[in-house]
Amino acid sequence: MKRKAVMVLTIALILAFAVATAFAAGNERKGKRTWKKSCRTACHEGGKASDLSPVSKTQAQWKALFDGNHAKIDAAHKAKGASHDALQPSDWEDIYEYLKGHALDSDQPETCG
């Protein structure tokens, strides 16, 4: 009986983890790579805009920037003459997850990008 309960609990935990992973909004690791390649090195390292890293803003500030299909980010890029047309919607989700996960008020703030 005890062995059966442990087995059922193990299966339930594996299933819960699989479902949670399948419905995750974005991929944080991919977001970091995309951020470095498409955003940070293109515009924010001696380029068109001031330096920017995940700890430059809090989670709420990143959320506000990405709300409304990242319209505020689009407006800022257009004002500077920068383009990010090559990014797909999934890339934006990945970048957001990375920035939110390493924001100033997150559990794991990241300063080096």
PDB file of N, CA and C in Angstrom:
ATOM      1  N   MET A   1       0.821  -1.196   0.000  1.00  0.00           N
ATOM      2  CA  MET A   1       0.000   0.000   0.000  1.00  0.00           C
ATOM      3  C   MET A   1       0.867   1.264   0.000  1.00  0.00           C
ATOM      4  N   LYS A   2       1.892   1.261   0.843  1.00  0.00           N
ATOM      5  CA  LYS A   2       2.772   2.414   0.941  1.00  0.00           C
ATOM      6  C   LYS A   2       3.537   2.625  -0.378  1.00  0.00           C
ATOM      7  N   ARG A   3       3.969   1.533  -0.962  1.00  0.00           N
ATOM      8  CA  ARG A   3       4.703   1.608  -2.224  1.00  0.00           C
ATOM      9  C   ARG A   3       3.811   2.158  -3.341  1.00  0.00           C
ATOM     10  N   LYS A   4       2.561   1.763  -3.341  1.00  0.00           N
ATOM     11  CA  LYS A   4       1.607   2.235  -4.339  1.00  0.00           C
ATOM     12  C   LYS A   4       1.376   3.743  -4.190  1.00  0.00           C
ATOM     13  N   ALA A   5       1.270   4.214  -2.961  1.00  0.00           N
ATOM     14  CA  ALA A   5       1.061   5.642  -2.709  1.00  0.00           C
ATOM     15  C   ALA A   5       2.266   6.464  -3.173  1.00  0.00           C
ATOM     16  N   VAL A   6       3.458   5.954  -2.919  1.00  0.00           N
ATOM     17  CA  VAL A   6       4.673   6.644  -3.352  1.00  0.00           C
ATOM     18  C   VAL A   6       4.728   6.694  -4.875  1.00  0.00           C
ATOM     19  N   MET A   7       4.361   5.610  -5.510  1.00  0.00           N
ATOM     20  CA  MET A   7       4.375   5.552  -6.972  1.00  0.00           C
ATOM     21  C   MET A   7       3.374   6.550  -7.562  1.00  0.00           C
ATOM     22  N   VAL A   8       2.178   6.610  -7.013  1.00  0.00           N
ATOM     23  CA  VAL A   8       1.152   7.542  -7.493  1.00  0.00           C
ATOM     24  C   VAL A   8       1.619   8.984  -7.288  1.00  0.00           C
ATOM     25  N   LEU A   9       2.199   9.269  -6.144  1.00  0.00           N
ATOM     26  CA  LEU A   9       2.697  10.611  -5.860  1.00  0.00           C
ATOM     27  C   LEU A   9       3.829  10.994  -6.817  1.00  0.00           C
ATOM     28  N   THR A  10       4.717  10.071  -7.097  1.00  0.00           N
ATOM     29  CA  THR A  10       5.819  10.322  -8.028  1.00  0.00           C
ATOM     30  C   THR A  10       5.295  10.629  -9.423  1.00  0.00           C
ATOM     31  N   ILE A  11       4.349   9.845  -9.886  1.00  0.00           N
ATOM     32  CA  ILE A  11       3.759  10.073 -11.207  1.00  0.00           C
ATOM     33  C   ILE A  11       3.051  11.420 -11.247  1.00  0.00           C
ATOM     34  N   ALA A  12       2.340  11.765 -10.180  1.00  0.00           N
ATOM     35  CA  ALA A  12       1.640  13.050 -10.123  1.00  0.00           C
ATOM     36  C   ALA A  12       2.622  14.218 -10.188  1.00  0.00           C
ATOM     37  N   LEU A  13       3.737  14.110  -9.490  1.00  0.00           N
ATOM     38  CA  LEU A  13       4.738  15.177  -9.515  1.00  0.00           C
ATOM     39  C   LEU A  13       5.384  15.317 -10.892  1.00  0.00           C
ATOM     40  N   ILE A  14       5.692  14.203 -11.520  1.00  0.00           N
ATOM     41  CA  ILE A  14       6.278  14.240 -12.863  1.00  0.00           C
ATOM     42  C   ILE A  14       5.298  14.864 -13.847  1.00  0.00           C
ATOM     43  N   LEU A  15       4.046  14.481 -13.756  1.00  0.00           N
ATOM     44  CA  LEU A  15       3.016  15.031 -14.632  1.00  0.00           C
ATOM     45  C   LEU A  15       2.841  16.531 -14.401  1.00  0.00           C
ATOM     46  N   ALA A  16       2.823  16.948 -13.140  1.00  0.00           N
ATOM     47  CA  ALA A  16       2.678  18.373 -12.828  1.00  0.00           C
ATOM     48  C   ALA A  16       3.849  19.176 -13.391  1.00  0.00           C
ATOM     49  N   PHE A  17       5.055  18.660 -13.254  1.00  0.00           N
ATOM     50  CA  PHE A  17       6.231  19.341 -13.793  1.00  0.00           C
ATOM     51  C   PHE A  17       6.160  19.434 -15.314  1.00  0.00           C
ATOM     52  N   ALA A  18       5.753  18.361 -15.958  1.00  0.00           N
ATOM     53  CA  ALA A  18       5.659  18.348 -17.420  1.00  0.00           C
ATOM     54  C   ALA A  18       4.634  19.361 -17.917  1.00  0.00           C
ATOM     55  N   VAL A  19       3.498  19.437 -17.253  1.00  0.00           N
ATOM     56  CA  VAL A  19       2.457  20.388 -17.645  1.00  0.00           C
ATOM     57  C   VAL A  19       2.937  21.819 -17.418  1.00  0.00           C
ATOM     58  N   ALA A  20       3.565  22.075 -16.279  1.00  0.00           N
ATOM     59  CA  ALA A  20       4.067  23.425 -15.988  1.00  0.00           C
ATOM     60  C   ALA A  20       5.113  23.856 -17.008  1.00  0.00           C
ATOM     61  N   THR A  21       5.970  22.960 -17.405  1.00  0.00           N
ATOM     62  CA  THR A  21       7.002  23.271 -18.387  1.00  0.00           C
ATOM     63  C   THR A  21       6.388  23.533 -19.759  1.00  0.00           C
ATOM     64  N   ALA A  22       5.382  22.767 -20.114  1.00  0.00           N
ATOM     65  CA  ALA A  22       4.750  22.912 -21.425  1.00  0.00           C
ATOM     66  C   ALA A  22       4.033  24.245 -21.566  1.00  0.00           C
ATOM     67  N   PHE A  23       3.515  24.785 -20.470  1.00  0.00           N
ATOM     68  CA  PHE A  23       2.758  26.025 -20.528  1.00  0.00           C
ATOM     69  C   PHE A  23       3.568  27.247 -20.106  1.00  0.00           C
ATOM     70  N   ALA A  24       4.857  27.116 -19.983  1.00  0.00           N
ATOM     71  CA  ALA A  24       5.703  28.260 -19.628  1.00  0.00           C
ATOM     72  C   ALA A  24       5.658  29.286 -20.758  1.00  0.00           C
ATOM     73  N   ALA A  25       5.660  30.552 -20.392  1.00  0.00           N
ATOM     74  CA  ALA A  25       5.501  31.623 -21.372  1.00  0.00           C
ATOM     75  C   ALA A  25       6.695  31.746 -22.310  1.00  0.00           C
ATOM     76  N   GLY A  26       7.880  31.635 -21.786  1.00  0.00           N
ATOM     77  CA  GLY A  26       9.059  31.815 -22.618  1.00  0.00           C
ATOM     78  C   GLY A  26      10.236  31.032 -22.068  1.00  0.00           C
ATOM     79  N   ASN A  27      11.294  30.992 -22.825  1.00  0.00           N
ATOM     80  CA  ASN A  27      12.489  30.263 -22.444  1.00  0.00           C
ATOM     81  C   ASN A  27      13.552  31.269 -22.005  1.00  0.00           C
ATOM     82  N   GLU A  28      13.847  31.273 -20.714  1.00  0.00           N
ATOM     83  CA  GLU A  28      14.776  32.249 -20.148  1.00  0.00           C
ATOM     84  C   GLU A  28      16.184  32.133 -20.737  1.00  0.00           C
ATOM     85  N   ARG A  29      16.660  30.915 -20.938  1.00  0.00           N
ATOM     86  CA  ARG A  29      18.014  30.723 -21.488  1.00  0.00           C
ATOM     87  C   ARG A  29      18.100  31.241 -22.929  1.00  0.00           C
ATOM     88  N   LYS A  30      17.077  30.934 -23.707  1.00  0.00           N
ATOM     89  CA  LYS A  30      17.056  31.433 -25.080  1.00  0.00           C
ATOM     90  C   LYS A  30      16.917  32.954 -25.077  1.00  0.00           C
ATOM     91  N   GLY A  31      16.142  33.467 -24.119  1.00  0.00           N
ATOM     92  CA  GLY A  31      15.975  34.911 -23.998  1.00  0.00           C
ATOM     93  C   GLY A  31      17.284  35.624 -23.732  1.00  0.00           C
ATOM     94  N   LYS A  32      18.133  35.016 -22.922  1.00  0.00           N
ATOM     95  CA  LYS A  32      19.439  35.614 -22.632  1.00  0.00           C
ATOM     96  C   LYS A  32      20.280  35.698 -23.902  1.00  0.00           C
ATOM     97  N   ARG A  33      20.304  34.619 -24.670  1.00  0.00           N
ATOM     98  CA  ARG A  33      21.074  34.617 -25.921  1.00  0.00           C
ATOM     99  C   ARG A  33      20.523  35.648 -26.914  1.00  0.00           C
ATOM    100  N   THR A  34      19.199  35.692 -27.035  1.00  0.00           N
ATOM    101  CA  THR A  34      18.578  36.631 -27.965  1.00  0.00           C
ATOM    102  C   THR A  34      18.829  38.066 -27.522  1.00  0.00           C
ATOM    103  N   TRP A  35      18.712  38.316 -26.220  1.00  0.00           N
ATOM    104  CA  TRP A  35      18.968  39.651 -25.664  1.00  0.00           C
ATOM    105  C   TRP A  35      20.393  40.103 -25.988  1.00  0.00           C
ATOM    106  N   LYS A  36      21.350  39.215 -25.757  1.00  0.00           N
ATOM    107  CA  LYS A  36      22.745  39.585 -26.008  1.00  0.00           C
ATOM    108  C   LYS A  36      22.985  39.863 -27.491  1.00  0.00           C
ATOM    109  N   LYS A  37      22.457  39.006 -28.341  1.00  0.00           N
ATOM    110  CA  LYS A  37      22.710  39.112 -29.775  1.00  0.00           C
ATOM    111  C   LYS A  37      21.933  40.267 -30.415  1.00  0.00           C
ATOM    112  N   SER A  38      20.654  40.373 -30.108  1.00  0.00           N
ATOM    113  CA  SER A  38      19.791  41.307 -30.824  1.00  0.00           C
ATOM    114  C   SER A  38      19.627  42.658 -30.144  1.00  0.00           C
ATOM    115  N   CYS A  39      19.829  42.716 -28.852  1.00  0.00           N
ATOM    116  CA  CYS A  39      19.557  43.966 -28.140  1.00  0.00           C
ATOM    117  C   CYS A  39      20.810  44.586 -27.544  1.00  0.00           C
ATOM    118  N   ARG A  40      21.419  43.858 -26.659  1.00  0.00           N
ATOM    119  CA  ARG A  40      22.528  44.430 -25.893  1.00  0.00           C
ATOM    120  C   ARG A  40      23.706  44.830 -26.772  1.00  0.00           C
ATOM    121  N   THR A  41      24.194  43.930 -27.588  1.00  0.00           N
ATOM    122  CA  THR A  41      25.370  44.252 -28.407  1.00  0.00           C
ATOM    123  C   THR A  41      25.017  45.179 -29.568  1.00  0.00           C
ATOM    124  N   ALA A  42      23.793  45.107 -30.056  1.00  0.00           N
ATOM    125  CA  ALA A  42      23.397  45.931 -31.193  1.00  0.00           C
ATOM    126  C   ALA A  42      23.179  47.397 -30.809  1.00  0.00           C
ATOM    127  N   CYS A  43      22.595  47.641 -29.655  1.00  0.00           N
ATOM    128  CA  CYS A  43      22.215  49.010 -29.299  1.00  0.00           C
ATOM    129  C   CYS A  43      22.817  49.523 -27.999  1.00  0.00           C
ATOM    130  N   HIS A  44      23.066  48.649 -27.058  1.00  0.00           N
ATOM    131  CA  HIS A  44      23.345  49.109 -25.703  1.00  0.00           C
ATOM    132  C   HIS A  44      24.793  48.986 -25.257  1.00  0.00           C
ATOM    133  N   GLU A  45      25.701  48.611 -26.119  1.00  0.00           N
ATOM    134  CA  GLU A  45      27.120  48.586 -25.757  1.00  0.00           C
ATOM    135  C   GLU A  45      27.867  49.546 -26.667  1.00  0.00           C
ATOM    136  N   GLY A  46      27.954  50.787 -26.239  1.00  0.00           N
ATOM    137  CA  GLY A  46      28.635  51.799 -27.040  1.00  0.00           C
ATOM    138  C   GLY A  46      27.908  52.119 -28.324  1.00  0.00           C
ATOM    139  N   GLY A  47      26.656  51.776 -28.378  1.00  0.00           N
ATOM    140  CA  GLY A  47      25.885  51.977 -29.598  1.00  0.00           C
ATOM    141  C   GLY A  47      24.937  53.150 -29.507  1.00  0.00           C
ATOM    142  N   LYS A  48      23.732  52.926 -29.964  1.00  0.00           N
ATOM    143  CA  LYS A  48      22.749  53.988 -30.095  1.00  0.00           C
ATOM    144  C   LYS A  48      22.072  54.368 -28.782  1.00  0.00           C
ATOM    145  N   ALA A  49      22.104  53.492 -27.797  1.00  0.00           N
ATOM    146  CA  ALA A  49      21.377  53.747 -26.550  1.00  0.00           C
ATOM    147  C   ALA A  49      22.300  53.554 -25.351  1.00  0.00           C
ATOM    148  N   SER A  50      21.847  54.029 -24.206  1.00  0.00           N
ATOM    149  CA  SER A  50      22.638  53.863 -22.987  1.00  0.00           C
ATOM    150  C   SER A  50      22.676  52.389 -22.587  1.00  0.00           C
ATOM    151  N   ASP A  51      23.670  52.043 -21.769  1.00  0.00           N
ATOM    152  CA  ASP A  51      23.794  50.655 -21.314  1.00  0.00           C
ATOM    153  C   ASP A  51      22.523  50.210 -20.606  1.00  0.00           C
ATOM    154  N   LEU A  52      22.147  48.972 -20.850  1.00  0.00           N
ATOM    155  CA  LEU A  52      20.933  48.417 -20.269  1.00  0.00           C
ATOM    156  C   LEU A  52      21.196  46.966 -19.912  1.00  0.00           C
ATOM    157  N   SER A  53      20.787  46.579 -18.717  1.00  0.00           N
ATOM    158  CA  SER A  53      20.928  45.192 -18.273  1.00  0.00           C
ATOM    159  C   SER A  53      19.653  44.807 -17.536  1.00  0.00           C
ATOM    160  N   PRO A  54      19.474  43.535 -17.220  1.00  0.00           N
ATOM    161  CA  PRO A  54      18.262  43.128 -16.503  1.00  0.00           C
ATOM    162  C   PRO A  54      18.050  43.888 -15.194  1.00  0.00           C
ATOM    163  N   VAL A  55      19.134  44.239 -14.490  1.00  0.00           N
ATOM    164  CA  VAL A  55      18.986  44.938 -13.210  1.00  0.00           C
ATOM    165  C   VAL A  55      18.759  46.437 -13.379  1.00  0.00           C
ATOM    166  N   SER A  56      18.650  46.908 -14.598  1.00  0.00           N
ATOM    167  CA  SER A  56      18.351  48.317 -14.825  1.00  0.00           C
ATOM    168  C   SER A  56      16.926  48.658 -14.418  1.00  0.00           C
ATOM    169  N   LYS A  57      16.076  47.648 -14.327  1.00  0.00           N
ATOM    170  CA  LYS A  57      14.665  47.860 -14.001  1.00  0.00           C
ATOM    171  C   LYS A  57      14.166  46.762 -13.071  1.00  0.00           C
ATOM    172  N   THR A  58      13.048  47.046 -12.398  1.00  0.00           N
ATOM    173  CA  THR A  58      12.404  46.041 -11.557  1.00  0.00           C
ATOM    174  C   THR A  58      11.502  45.177 -12.434  1.00  0.00           C
ATOM    175  N   GLN A  59      10.976  44.108 -11.861  1.00  0.00           N
ATOM    176  CA  GLN A  59      10.074  43.229 -12.609  1.00  0.00           C
ATOM    177  C   GLN A  59       8.850  44.000 -13.098  1.00  0.00           C
ATOM    178  N   ALA A  60       8.307  44.870 -12.254  1.00  0.00           N
ATOM    179  CA  ALA A  60       7.129  45.652 -12.644  1.00  0.00           C
ATOM    180  C   ALA A  60       7.456  46.609 -13.791  1.00  0.00           C
ATOM    181  N   GLN A  61       8.644  47.187 -13.761  1.00  0.00           N
ATOM    182  CA  GLN A  61       9.038  48.088 -14.842  1.00  0.00           C
ATOM    183  C   GLN A  61       9.222  47.331 -16.159  1.00  0.00           C
ATOM    184  N   TRP A  62       9.815  46.137 -16.106  1.00  0.00           N
ATOM    185  CA  TRP A  62       9.948  45.334 -17.327  1.00  0.00           C
ATOM    186  C   TRP A  62       8.573  44.950 -17.849  1.00  0.00           C
ATOM    187  N   LYS A  63       7.667  44.581 -16.936  1.00  0.00           N
ATOM    188  CA  LYS A  63       6.310  44.206 -17.352  1.00  0.00           C
ATOM    189  C   LYS A  63       5.625  45.380 -18.051  1.00  0.00           C
ATOM    190  N   ALA A  64       5.775  46.578 -17.484  1.00  0.00           N
ATOM    191  CA  ALA A  64       5.161  47.766 -18.085  1.00  0.00           C
ATOM    192  C   ALA A  64       5.712  48.027 -19.490  1.00  0.00           C
ATOM    193  N   LEU A  65       6.992  47.799 -19.691  1.00  0.00           N
ATOM    194  CA  LEU A  65       7.583  47.999 -21.018  1.00  0.00           C
ATOM    195  C   LEU A  65       7.096  46.976 -22.036  1.00  0.00           C
ATOM    196  N   PHE A  66       6.863  45.751 -21.585  1.00  0.00           N
ATOM    197  CA  PHE A  66       6.458  44.687 -22.506  1.00  0.00           C
ATOM    198  C   PHE A  66       4.944  44.593 -22.683  1.00  0.00           C
ATOM    199  N   ASP A  67       4.165  45.266 -21.827  1.00  0.00           N
ATOM    200  CA  ASP A  67       2.707  45.248 -21.978  1.00  0.00           C
ATOM    201  C   ASP A  67       2.309  45.911 -23.295  1.00  0.00           C
ATOM    202  N   GLY A  68       1.170  45.524 -23.811  1.00  0.00           N
ATOM    203  CA  GLY A  68       0.678  46.116 -25.051  1.00  0.00           C
ATOM    204  C   GLY A  68       1.539  45.772 -26.250  1.00  0.00           C
ATOM    205  N   ASN A  69       1.973  44.512 -26.307  1.00  0.00           N
ATOM    206  CA  ASN A  69       2.770  44.027 -27.439  1.00  0.00           C
ATOM    207  C   ASN A  69       4.051  44.850 -27.599  1.00  0.00           C
ATOM    208  N   HIS A  70       4.675  45.158 -26.475  1.00  0.00           N
ATOM    209  CA  HIS A  70       5.936  45.908 -26.374  1.00  0.00           C
ATOM    210  C   HIS A  70       5.930  47.214 -27.165  1.00  0.00           C
ATOM    211  N   ALA A  71       4.802  47.937 -27.123  1.00  0.00           N
ATOM    212  CA  ALA A  71       4.663  49.198 -27.861  1.00  0.00           C
ATOM    213  C   ALA A  71       5.650  50.261 -27.374  1.00  0.00           C
ATOM    214  N   LYS A  72       5.902  50.320 -26.063  1.00  0.00           N
ATOM    215  CA  LYS A  72       6.840  51.321 -25.534  1.00  0.00           C
ATOM    216  C   LYS A  72       8.258  51.053 -26.027  1.00  0.00           C
ATOM    217  N   ILE A  73       8.620  49.790 -26.125  1.00  0.00           N
ATOM    218  CA  ILE A  73       9.951  49.436 -26.633  1.00  0.00           C
ATOM    219  C   ILE A  73      10.046  49.802 -28.113  1.00  0.00           C
ATOM    220  N   ASP A  74       8.983  49.522 -28.864  1.00  0.00           N
ATOM    221  CA  ASP A  74       8.963  49.878 -30.285  1.00  0.00           C
ATOM    222  C   ASP A  74       9.140  51.381 -30.473  1.00  0.00           C
ATOM    223  N   ALA A  75       8.418  52.170 -29.664  1.00  0.00           N
ATOM    224  CA  ALA A  75       8.495  53.629 -29.778  1.00  0.00           C
ATOM    225  C   ALA A  75       9.904  54.134 -29.471  1.00  0.00           C
ATOM    226  N   ALA A  76      10.528  53.581 -28.442  1.00  0.00           N
ATOM    227  CA  ALA A  76      11.890  53.999 -28.084  1.00  0.00           C
ATOM    228  C   ALA A  76      12.881  53.646 -29.190  1.00  0.00           C
ATOM    229  N   HIS A  77      12.719  52.482 -29.801  1.00  0.00           N
ATOM    230  CA  HIS A  77      13.626  52.081 -30.881  1.00  0.00           C
ATOM    231  C   HIS A  77      13.426  52.954 -32.125  1.00  0.00           C
ATOM    232  N   LYS A  78      12.178  53.269 -32.437  1.00  0.00           N
ATOM    233  CA  LYS A  78      11.914  54.121 -33.602  1.00  0.00           C
ATOM    234  C   LYS A  78      12.497  55.511 -33.398  1.00  0.00           C
ATOM    235  N   ALA A  79      12.414  56.026 -32.169  1.00  0.00           N
ATOM    236  CA  ALA A  79      12.964  57.352 -31.871  1.00  0.00           C
ATOM    237  C   ALA A  79      14.478  57.383 -32.054  1.00  0.00           C
ATOM    238  N   LYS A  80      15.142  56.269 -31.807  1.00  0.00           N
ATOM    239  CA  LYS A  80      16.601  56.182 -31.951  1.00  0.00           C
ATOM    240  C   LYS A  80      17.028  55.693 -33.335  1.00  0.00           C
ATOM    241  N   GLY A  81      16.051  55.361 -34.174  1.00  0.00           N
ATOM    242  CA  GLY A  81      16.374  54.867 -35.509  1.00  0.00           C
ATOM    243  C   GLY A  81      16.863  53.432 -35.527  1.00  0.00           C
ATOM    244  N   ALA A  82      16.527  52.673 -34.495  1.00  0.00           N
ATOM    245  CA  ALA A  82      16.941  51.267 -34.404  1.00  0.00           C
ATOM    246  C   ALA A  82      15.802  50.364 -34.865  1.00  0.00           C
ATOM    247  N   SER A  83      16.151  49.187 -35.319  1.00  0.00           N
ATOM    248  CA  SER A  83      15.145  48.238 -35.789  1.00  0.00           C
ATOM    249  C   SER A  83      15.337  46.888 -35.117  1.00  0.00           C
ATOM    250  N   HIS A  84      14.237  46.262 -34.805  1.00  0.00           N
ATOM    251  CA  HIS A  84      14.265  44.909 -34.253  1.00  0.00           C
ATOM    252  C   HIS A  84      13.203  44.061 -34.942  1.00  0.00           C
ATOM    253  N   ASP A  85      13.017  44.313 -36.226  1.00  0.00           N
ATOM    254  CA  ASP A  85      11.989  43.626 -37.007  1.00  0.00           C
ATOM    255  C   ASP A  85      12.231  42.132 -37.129  1.00  0.00           C
ATOM    256  N   ALA A  86      13.466  41.689 -36.980  1.00  0.00           N
ATOM    257  CA  ALA A  86      13.785  40.270 -37.150  1.00  0.00           C
ATOM    258  C   ALA A  86      13.305  39.416 -35.981  1.00  0.00           C
ATOM    259  N   LEU A  87      12.919  40.042 -34.875  1.00  0.00           N
ATOM    260  CA  LEU A  87      12.481  39.275 -33.705  1.00  0.00           C
ATOM    261  C   LEU A  87      11.062  38.751 -33.890  1.00  0.00           C
ATOM    262  N   GLN A  88      10.885  37.488 -33.595  1.00  0.00           N
ATOM    263  CA  GLN A  88       9.582  36.834 -33.658  1.00  0.00           C
ATOM    264  C   GLN A  88       8.862  37.018 -32.319  1.00  0.00           C
ATOM    265  N   PRO A  89       7.541  36.815 -32.266  1.00  0.00           N
ATOM    266  CA  PRO A  89       6.824  36.914 -30.985  1.00  0.00           C
ATOM    267  C   PRO A  89       7.403  36.001 -29.902  1.00  0.00           C
ATOM    268  N   SER A  90       7.846  34.814 -30.281  1.00  0.00           N
ATOM    269  CA  SER A  90       8.438  33.909 -29.286  1.00  0.00           C
ATOM    270  C   SER A  90       9.756  34.471 -28.749  1.00  0.00           C
ATOM    271  N   ASP A  91      10.498  35.194 -29.581  1.00  0.00           N
ATOM    272  CA  ASP A  91      11.736  35.833 -29.121  1.00  0.00           C
ATOM    273  C   ASP A  91      11.434  36.885 -28.062  1.00  0.00           C
ATOM    274  N   TRP A  92      10.374  37.657 -28.273  1.00  0.00           N
ATOM    275  CA  TRP A  92       9.980  38.677 -27.300  1.00  0.00           C
ATOM    276  C   TRP A  92       9.600  38.031 -25.968  1.00  0.00           C
ATOM    277  N   GLU A  93       8.879  36.909 -26.024  1.00  0.00           N
ATOM    278  CA  GLU A  93       8.504  36.202 -24.792  1.00  0.00           C
ATOM    279  C   GLU A  93       9.744  35.695 -24.064  1.00  0.00           C
ATOM    280  N   ASP A  94      10.690  35.165 -24.815  1.00  0.00           N
ATOM    281  CA  ASP A  94      11.931  34.661 -24.221  1.00  0.00           C
ATOM    282  C   ASP A  94      12.725  35.796 -23.567  1.00  0.00           C
ATOM    283  N   ILE A  95      12.856  36.918 -24.268  1.00  0.00           N
ATOM    284  CA  ILE A  95      13.586  38.065 -23.720  1.00  0.00           C
ATOM    285  C   ILE A  95      12.911  38.563 -22.451  1.00  0.00           C
ATOM    286  N   TYR A  96      11.584  38.652 -22.476  1.00  0.00           N
ATOM    287  CA  TYR A  96      10.856  39.118 -21.292  1.00  0.00           C
ATOM    288  C   TYR A  96      11.099  38.194 -20.100  1.00  0.00           C
ATOM    289  N   GLU A  97      11.046  36.895 -20.316  1.00  0.00           N
ATOM    290  CA  GLU A  97      11.282  35.947 -19.221  1.00  0.00           C
ATOM    291  C   GLU A  97      12.683  36.117 -18.647  1.00  0.00           C
ATOM    292  N   TYR A  98      13.658  36.326 -19.513  1.00  0.00           N
ATOM    293  CA  TYR A  98      15.037  36.538 -19.053  1.00  0.00           C
ATOM    294  C   TYR A  98      15.146  37.825 -18.237  1.00  0.00           C
ATOM    295  N   LEU A  99      14.620  38.921 -18.767  1.00  0.00           N
ATOM    296  CA  LEU A  99      14.732  40.207 -18.074  1.00  0.00           C
ATOM    297  C   LEU A  99      13.980  40.197 -16.750  1.00  0.00           C
ATOM    298  N   LYS A 100      12.786  39.621 -16.751  1.00  0.00           N
ATOM    299  CA  LYS A 100      11.991  39.548 -15.520  1.00  0.00           C
ATOM    300  C   LYS A 100      12.671  38.652 -14.490  1.00  0.00           C
ATOM    301  N   GLY A 101      13.223  37.547 -14.930  1.00  0.00           N
ATOM    302  CA  GLY A 101      13.854  36.600 -14.019  1.00  0.00           C
ATOM    303  C   GLY A 101      15.136  37.105 -13.388  1.00  0.00           C
ATOM    304  N   HIS A 102      15.742  38.125 -13.985  1.00  0.00           N
ATOM    305  CA  HIS A 102      17.007  38.653 -13.462  1.00  0.00           C
ATOM    306  C   HIS A 102      16.934  40.153 -13.198  1.00  0.00           C
ATOM    307  N   ALA A 103      15.715  40.650 -12.985  1.00  0.00           N
ATOM    308  CA  ALA A 103      15.512  42.072 -12.704  1.00  0.00           C
ATOM    309  C   ALA A 103      16.081  42.446 -11.339  1.00  0.00           C
ATOM    310  N   LEU A 104      16.102  43.731 -11.070  1.00  0.00           N
ATOM    311  CA  LEU A 104      16.676  44.252  -9.833  1.00  0.00           C
ATOM    312  C   LEU A 104      16.055  43.631  -8.588  1.00  0.00           C
ATOM    313  N   ASP A 105      14.740  43.408  -8.604  1.00  0.00           N
ATOM    314  CA  ASP A 105      14.050  42.872  -7.427  1.00  0.00           C
ATOM    315  C   ASP A 105      13.773  41.368  -7.523  1.00  0.00           C
ATOM    316  N   SER A 106      14.449  40.677  -8.424  1.00  0.00           N
ATOM    317  CA  SER A 106      14.237  39.234  -8.575  1.00  0.00           C
ATOM    318  C   SER A 106      15.091  38.458  -7.579  1.00  0.00           C
ATOM    319  N   ASP A 107      14.864  37.151  -7.528  1.00  0.00           N
ATOM    320  CA  ASP A 107      15.659  36.286  -6.654  1.00  0.00           C
ATOM    321  C   ASP A 107      17.101  36.155  -7.140  1.00  0.00           C
ATOM    322  N   GLN A 108      17.304  36.302  -8.449  1.00  0.00           N
ATOM    323  CA  GLN A 108      18.639  36.144  -9.033  1.00  0.00           C
ATOM    324  C   GLN A 108      18.976  37.327  -9.940  1.00  0.00           C
ATOM    325  N   PRO A 109      19.207  38.514  -9.367  1.00  0.00           N
ATOM    326  CA  PRO A 109      19.564  39.653 -10.221  1.00  0.00           C
ATOM    327  C   PRO A 109      20.873  39.391 -10.963  1.00  0.00           C
ATOM    328  N   GLU A 110      20.921  39.815 -12.207  1.00  0.00           N
ATOM    329  CA  GLU A 110      22.108  39.563 -13.030  1.00  0.00           C
ATOM    330  C   GLU A 110      22.653  40.886 -13.548  1.00  0.00           C
ATOM    331  N   THR A 111      23.881  41.179 -13.209  1.00  0.00           N
ATOM    332  CA  THR A 111      24.470  42.450 -13.607  1.00  0.00           C
ATOM    333  C   THR A 111      25.314  42.353 -14.864  1.00  0.00           C
ATOM    334  N   CYS A 112      25.819  41.190 -15.162  1.00  0.00           N
ATOM    335  CA  CYS A 112      26.750  41.069 -16.291  1.00  0.00           C
ATOM    336  C   CYS A 112      26.065  40.836 -17.624  1.00  0.00           C
ATOM    337  N   GLY A 113      24.769  40.443 -17.622  1.00  0.00           N
ATOM    338  CA  GLY A 113      24.067  40.203 -18.878  1.00  0.00           C
ATOM    339  C   GLY A 113      24.633  39.039 -19.559  1.00  0.00           C
TER     340      GLY A 113
END
